[in-house]
Amino acid sequence: MTEPRADGFPELDDLRRQHRQLDAKIDHIESGPGLASPQLKELKRRRLELRDRIVRLEALNGSA
């Protein structure tokens, strides 16, 4: 994963931070026992929503 960019858009930086945190949680769950499937599914859904929001904001701000 790439480092966050300090591009002057605090909302984008916050979304990127949240996305990285979800990545870490998902990696942790996937490396453990397979008992957290519903939790994992929800985390992946939230991560995808964040990614979509990041892409939209980057396109609007021209910082893709």
Protein backbone atom coordinates (compact mmCIF):
# COMPACT_ATOMS: atom_id res chain seq x y z
CA MET A 1 0.00 0.00 0.00
CA THR A 2 1.23 3.48 -0.76
CA GLU A 3 1.80 6.20 1.81
CA PRO A 4 -0.87 8.86 2.22
CA ARG A 5 -0.41 11.99 0.20
CA ALA A 6 -0.54 15.35 1.87
CA ASP A 7 -2.40 16.88 -1.06
CA GLY A 8 -4.27 19.57 0.86
CA PHE A 9 -7.52 17.61 1.02
CA PRO A 10 -8.00 16.52 4.65
CA GLU A 11 -11.08 14.45 3.81
CA LEU A 12 -9.08 12.38 1.32
CA ASP A 13 -6.29 11.89 3.84
CA ASP A 14 -8.82 10.75 6.43
CA LEU A 15 -10.47 8.32 4.01
CA ARG A 16 -7.08 6.89 3.05
CA ARG A 17 -6.22 6.45 6.74
CA GLN A 18 -9.51 4.65 7.39
CA HIS A 19 -8.89 2.43 4.35
CA ARG A 20 -5.41 1.47 5.63
CA GLN A 21 -6.85 0.66 9.06
CA LEU A 22 -9.48 -1.60 7.51
CA ASP A 23 -6.77 -3.30 5.41
CA ALA A 24 -4.85 -4.07 8.60
CA LYS A 25 -7.96 -5.44 10.36
CA ILE A 26 -8.84 -7.60 7.36
CA ASP A 27 -5.28 -8.94 7.11
CA HIS A 28 -5.36 -9.78 10.81
CA ILE A 29 -8.68 -11.62 10.55
CA GLU A 30 -7.65 -13.49 7.41
CA SER A 31 -4.44 -14.67 9.06
CA GLY A 32 -6.33 -16.09 12.05
CA PRO A 33 -8.94 -18.81 12.43
CA GLY A 34 -11.82 -18.67 9.96
CA LEU A 35 -14.48 -17.95 12.56
CA ALA A 36 -15.03 -14.28 11.73
CA SER A 37 -16.63 -14.64 8.30
CA PRO A 38 -19.58 -12.26 8.85
CA GLN A 39 -17.25 -9.68 10.39
CA LEU A 40 -14.80 -10.09 7.52
CA LYS A 41 -17.54 -9.65 4.94
CA GLU A 42 -18.69 -6.41 6.59
CA LEU A 43 -15.15 -5.03 6.84
CA LYS A 44 -14.53 -5.77 3.17
CA ARG A 45 -17.78 -4.05 2.22
CA ARG A 46 -16.80 -0.96 4.23
CA ARG A 47 -13.32 -0.99 2.68
CA LEU A 48 -14.82 -1.08 -0.83
CA GLU A 49 -17.14 1.82 0.01
CA LEU A 50 -14.16 3.84 1.26
CA ARG A 51 -12.18 3.01 -1.90
CA ASP A 52 -15.10 4.19 -4.06
CA ARG A 53 -15.36 7.45 -2.11
CA ILE A 54 -11.60 8.02 -2.39
CA VAL A 55 -11.64 7.46 -6.16
CA ARG A 56 -14.59 9.83 -6.62
CA LEU A 57 -12.98 12.57 -4.53
CA GLU A 58 -9.64 12.15 -6.30
CA ALA A 59 -11.40 12.51 -9.66
CA LEU A 60 -13.25 15.64 -8.49
CA ASN A 61 -10.04 17.16 -7.13
CA GLY A 62 -7.88 16.10 -10.05
CA SER A 63 -5.42 14.32 -7.76
CA ALA A 64 -5.70 10.79 -9.14
